N, C-alpha and C. Protein backbone atom coordinates (compact mmCIF):
# COMPACT_ATOMS: atom_id res chain seq x y z
N UNK A 1 -16.68 -0.72 2.16
CA UNK A 1 -16.14 0.15 1.14
C UNK A 1 -15.66 -0.70 -0.03
N UNK A 2 -16.15 -0.42 -1.20
CA UNK A 2 -15.80 -1.26 -2.36
C UNK A 2 -14.32 -1.18 -2.70
N UNK A 3 -13.70 -0.02 -2.51
CA UNK A 3 -12.28 0.14 -2.83
C UNK A 3 -11.44 -0.71 -1.88
N UNK A 4 -11.75 -0.65 -0.61
CA UNK A 4 -11.01 -1.44 0.37
C UNK A 4 -11.15 -2.92 0.06
N UNK A 5 -12.36 -3.35 -0.22
CA UNK A 5 -12.60 -4.76 -0.54
C UNK A 5 -11.83 -5.19 -1.78
N UNK A 6 -11.82 -4.35 -2.80
CA UNK A 6 -11.12 -4.67 -4.04
C UNK A 6 -9.61 -4.76 -3.82
N UNK A 7 -9.08 -3.84 -3.05
CA UNK A 7 -7.64 -3.85 -2.78
C UNK A 7 -7.28 -5.08 -1.93
N UNK A 8 -8.09 -5.36 -0.94
CA UNK A 8 -7.82 -6.53 -0.09
C UNK A 8 -7.88 -7.82 -0.91
N UNK A 9 -8.84 -7.93 -1.79
CA UNK A 9 -8.96 -9.11 -2.64
C UNK A 9 -7.75 -9.25 -3.56
N UNK A 10 -7.30 -8.13 -4.12
CA UNK A 10 -6.12 -8.14 -4.98
C UNK A 10 -4.90 -8.63 -4.20
N UNK A 11 -4.78 -8.15 -2.97
CA UNK A 11 -3.67 -8.57 -2.10
C UNK A 11 -3.69 -10.08 -1.89
N UNK A 12 -4.85 -10.60 -1.60
CA UNK A 12 -4.98 -12.05 -1.37
C UNK A 12 -4.77 -12.84 -2.66
N UNK A 13 -5.35 -12.37 -3.76
CA UNK A 13 -5.29 -13.11 -5.03
C UNK A 13 -3.87 -13.17 -5.60
N UNK A 14 -3.13 -12.09 -5.46
CA UNK A 14 -1.79 -12.04 -6.05
C UNK A 14 -0.71 -12.52 -5.10
N UNK A 15 -1.11 -12.89 -3.88
CA UNK A 15 -0.14 -13.35 -2.89
C UNK A 15 1.04 -12.39 -2.79
N UNK A 16 0.75 -11.13 -2.64
CA UNK A 16 1.79 -10.11 -2.56
C UNK A 16 2.68 -10.38 -1.35
N UNK A 17 3.96 -10.27 -1.55
CA UNK A 17 4.90 -10.51 -0.46
C UNK A 17 5.04 -9.27 0.40
N UNK A 18 5.28 -9.44 1.67
CA UNK A 18 5.48 -8.29 2.54
C UNK A 18 6.62 -7.41 2.03
N UNK A 19 6.37 -6.13 1.99
CA UNK A 19 7.37 -5.19 1.51
C UNK A 19 7.25 -4.84 0.04
N UNK A 20 6.36 -5.51 -0.68
CA UNK A 20 6.17 -5.18 -2.09
C UNK A 20 5.53 -3.80 -2.20
N UNK A 21 5.99 -3.00 -3.16
CA UNK A 21 5.41 -1.66 -3.31
C UNK A 21 3.93 -1.73 -3.63
N UNK A 22 3.20 -0.81 -3.04
CA UNK A 22 1.77 -0.67 -3.25
C UNK A 22 1.58 0.27 -4.44
N UNK A 23 0.55 0.09 -5.26
CA UNK A 23 0.32 1.03 -6.36
C UNK A 23 0.21 2.47 -5.85
N UNK A 24 0.60 3.43 -6.68
CA UNK A 24 0.58 4.83 -6.27
C UNK A 24 -0.85 5.32 -6.06
N UNK A 25 -0.97 6.38 -5.29
CA UNK A 25 -2.27 6.99 -5.04
C UNK A 25 -2.93 7.41 -6.35
N UNK A 26 -2.14 8.00 -7.22
CA UNK A 26 -2.69 8.44 -8.52
C UNK A 26 -3.27 7.29 -9.31
N UNK A 27 -2.55 6.18 -9.32
CA UNK A 27 -3.03 5.00 -10.04
C UNK A 27 -4.36 4.51 -9.46
N UNK A 28 -4.41 4.44 -8.13
CA UNK A 28 -5.62 3.93 -7.48
C UNK A 28 -6.80 4.88 -7.61
N UNK A 29 -6.54 6.18 -7.54
CA UNK A 29 -7.61 7.16 -7.73
C UNK A 29 -8.22 7.00 -9.11
N UNK A 30 -7.36 6.83 -10.09
CA UNK A 30 -7.83 6.66 -11.48
C UNK A 30 -8.54 5.30 -11.65
N UNK A 31 -7.93 4.25 -11.11
CA UNK A 31 -8.48 2.90 -11.27
C UNK A 31 -9.87 2.76 -10.65
N UNK A 32 -10.07 3.32 -9.45
CA UNK A 32 -11.32 3.16 -8.74
C UNK A 32 -12.25 4.37 -8.84
N UNK A 33 -11.77 5.41 -9.52
CA UNK A 33 -12.57 6.62 -9.72
C UNK A 33 -13.09 7.17 -8.38
N UNK A 34 -12.13 7.40 -7.46
CA UNK A 34 -12.45 7.93 -6.14
C UNK A 34 -11.64 9.20 -5.89
N UNK A 35 -12.03 9.94 -4.86
CA UNK A 35 -11.29 11.15 -4.50
C UNK A 35 -10.08 10.78 -3.64
N UNK A 36 -9.18 11.74 -3.50
CA UNK A 36 -8.00 11.54 -2.67
C UNK A 36 -8.40 11.32 -1.21
N UNK A 37 -9.42 12.03 -0.77
CA UNK A 37 -9.90 11.89 0.61
C UNK A 37 -10.40 10.47 0.86
N UNK A 38 -11.18 9.95 -0.07
CA UNK A 38 -11.68 8.57 0.06
C UNK A 38 -10.52 7.59 0.11
N UNK A 39 -9.54 7.77 -0.76
CA UNK A 39 -8.41 6.86 -0.79
C UNK A 39 -7.61 6.94 0.51
N UNK A 40 -7.46 8.13 1.06
CA UNK A 40 -6.76 8.27 2.34
C UNK A 40 -7.48 7.53 3.45
N UNK A 41 -8.82 7.56 3.43
CA UNK A 41 -9.60 6.80 4.42
C UNK A 41 -9.37 5.31 4.24
N UNK A 42 -9.32 4.86 2.99
CA UNK A 42 -9.08 3.45 2.71
C UNK A 42 -7.69 3.05 3.20
N UNK A 43 -6.68 3.88 2.91
CA UNK A 43 -5.31 3.60 3.38
C UNK A 43 -5.28 3.48 4.90
N UNK A 44 -5.97 4.38 5.59
CA UNK A 44 -5.99 4.34 7.06
C UNK A 44 -6.59 3.03 7.56
N UNK A 45 -7.67 2.59 6.93
CA UNK A 45 -8.29 1.33 7.32
C UNK A 45 -7.40 0.13 7.00
N UNK A 46 -6.74 0.17 5.84
CA UNK A 46 -5.85 -0.93 5.47
C UNK A 46 -4.66 -1.01 6.42
N UNK A 47 -4.16 0.15 6.85
CA UNK A 47 -3.06 0.15 7.82
C UNK A 47 -3.52 -0.42 9.15
N UNK A 48 -4.71 -0.03 9.56
CA UNK A 48 -5.28 -0.54 10.82
C UNK A 48 -5.44 -2.06 10.77
N UNK A 49 -5.78 -2.58 9.59
CA UNK A 49 -5.98 -4.02 9.39
C UNK A 49 -4.67 -4.76 9.08
N UNK A 50 -3.54 -4.05 9.12
CA UNK A 50 -2.22 -4.63 8.84
C UNK A 50 -2.10 -5.23 7.44
N UNK A 51 -2.71 -4.58 6.48
CA UNK A 51 -2.61 -5.02 5.09
C UNK A 51 -1.52 -4.22 4.38
N UNK A 52 -1.37 -2.96 4.75
CA UNK A 52 -0.33 -2.11 4.18
C UNK A 52 0.33 -1.30 5.29
N UNK A 53 1.49 -0.74 4.97
CA UNK A 53 2.13 0.21 5.87
C UNK A 53 2.74 1.33 5.02
N UNK A 54 2.97 2.45 5.65
CA UNK A 54 3.45 3.63 4.95
C UNK A 54 4.88 3.95 5.35
N UNK A 55 5.68 4.36 4.37
CA UNK A 55 7.01 4.90 4.61
C UNK A 55 6.94 6.35 4.14
N UNK A 56 7.07 7.30 5.06
CA UNK A 56 6.94 8.72 4.69
C UNK A 56 7.86 9.11 3.52
N UNK A 57 7.29 9.82 2.58
CA UNK A 57 7.95 10.34 1.38
C UNK A 57 8.46 9.25 0.44
N UNK A 58 8.01 8.01 0.68
CA UNK A 58 8.39 6.91 -0.21
C UNK A 58 7.14 6.28 -0.80
N UNK A 59 6.21 5.85 0.07
CA UNK A 59 4.98 5.26 -0.42
C UNK A 59 4.41 4.22 0.51
N UNK A 60 3.46 3.48 -0.03
CA UNK A 60 2.78 2.42 0.71
C UNK A 60 3.34 1.08 0.26
N UNK A 61 3.34 0.13 1.20
CA UNK A 61 3.86 -1.20 0.92
C UNK A 61 2.93 -2.23 1.52
N UNK A 62 2.89 -3.43 0.91
CA UNK A 62 2.06 -4.52 1.41
C UNK A 62 2.65 -5.04 2.71
N UNK A 63 1.80 -5.47 3.60
CA UNK A 63 2.24 -6.09 4.84
C UNK A 63 2.33 -5.11 5.99
N UNK A 64 3.10 -5.50 7.01
CA UNK A 64 3.26 -4.67 8.19
C UNK A 64 4.73 -4.39 8.43
N UNK A 65 5.00 -3.41 9.23
CA UNK A 65 6.39 -3.09 9.58
C UNK A 65 7.04 -4.23 10.36
N UNK A 66 6.24 -5.05 10.99
CA UNK A 66 6.76 -6.16 11.79
C UNK A 66 7.51 -7.16 10.93
N UNK A 67 7.11 -7.29 9.66
CA UNK A 67 7.74 -8.30 8.80
C UNK A 67 8.71 -7.69 7.80
N UNK A 68 9.30 -6.55 8.13
CA UNK A 68 10.25 -5.91 7.21
C UNK A 68 11.49 -6.77 6.99
N UNK A 69 11.85 -7.60 7.95
CA UNK A 69 13.03 -8.45 7.78
C UNK A 69 12.83 -9.45 6.65
N UNK A 70 11.57 -9.70 6.27
CA UNK A 70 11.26 -10.61 5.18
C UNK A 70 11.11 -9.87 3.86
N UNK A 71 11.36 -8.59 3.88
CA UNK A 71 11.12 -7.73 2.72
C UNK A 71 11.97 -8.15 1.52
N UNK A 72 11.35 -8.21 0.35
CA UNK A 72 12.07 -8.60 -0.86
C UNK A 72 12.31 -7.41 -1.78
N UNK A 73 11.96 -6.22 -1.35
CA UNK A 73 12.11 -5.03 -2.17
C UNK A 73 13.45 -4.38 -1.88
N UNK A 74 14.17 -4.03 -2.93
CA UNK A 74 15.43 -3.33 -2.78
C UNK A 74 15.13 -1.85 -2.56
N UNK A 75 15.29 -1.38 -1.33
CA UNK A 75 14.94 0.00 -0.99
C UNK A 75 15.94 1.01 -1.56
N UNK A 76 17.07 0.56 -2.11
CA UNK A 76 18.05 1.48 -2.67
C UNK A 76 17.48 2.31 -3.81
N UNK A 77 16.50 1.78 -4.51
CA UNK A 77 15.94 2.52 -5.64
C UNK A 77 14.99 3.62 -5.20
N UNK A 78 14.62 3.63 -3.92
CA UNK A 78 13.73 4.67 -3.41
C UNK A 78 14.58 5.72 -2.71
N UNK A 79 14.82 6.81 -3.39
CA UNK A 79 15.67 7.88 -2.87
C UNK A 79 14.83 8.83 -2.02
N UNK A 80 15.36 9.15 -0.85
CA UNK A 80 14.69 10.13 0.01
C UNK A 80 15.47 11.43 -0.06
N UNK A 81 14.79 12.49 -0.36
CA UNK A 81 15.41 13.80 -0.43
C UNK A 81 14.91 14.62 0.75
N UNK A 82 15.78 14.89 1.67
CA UNK A 82 15.41 15.59 2.89
C UNK A 82 15.98 16.99 2.85
């Protein structure tokens, strides 16, 4: 999948730190000119490959949940409304 390959290459090239926010779905849909369904499939594969992880109602982040202790993102700015 070209989108998955492009995202993975960006991750490697920019040396993204674990916990860094992932670009929004809207941004990626526009950037790669793909459907939401295609992007969801890519996200699922990236999660399976431990490249990104999801926080419900917040977004996607680089890395895995295993390395959250190394996270450099201040989660206070991400408000959850339940």
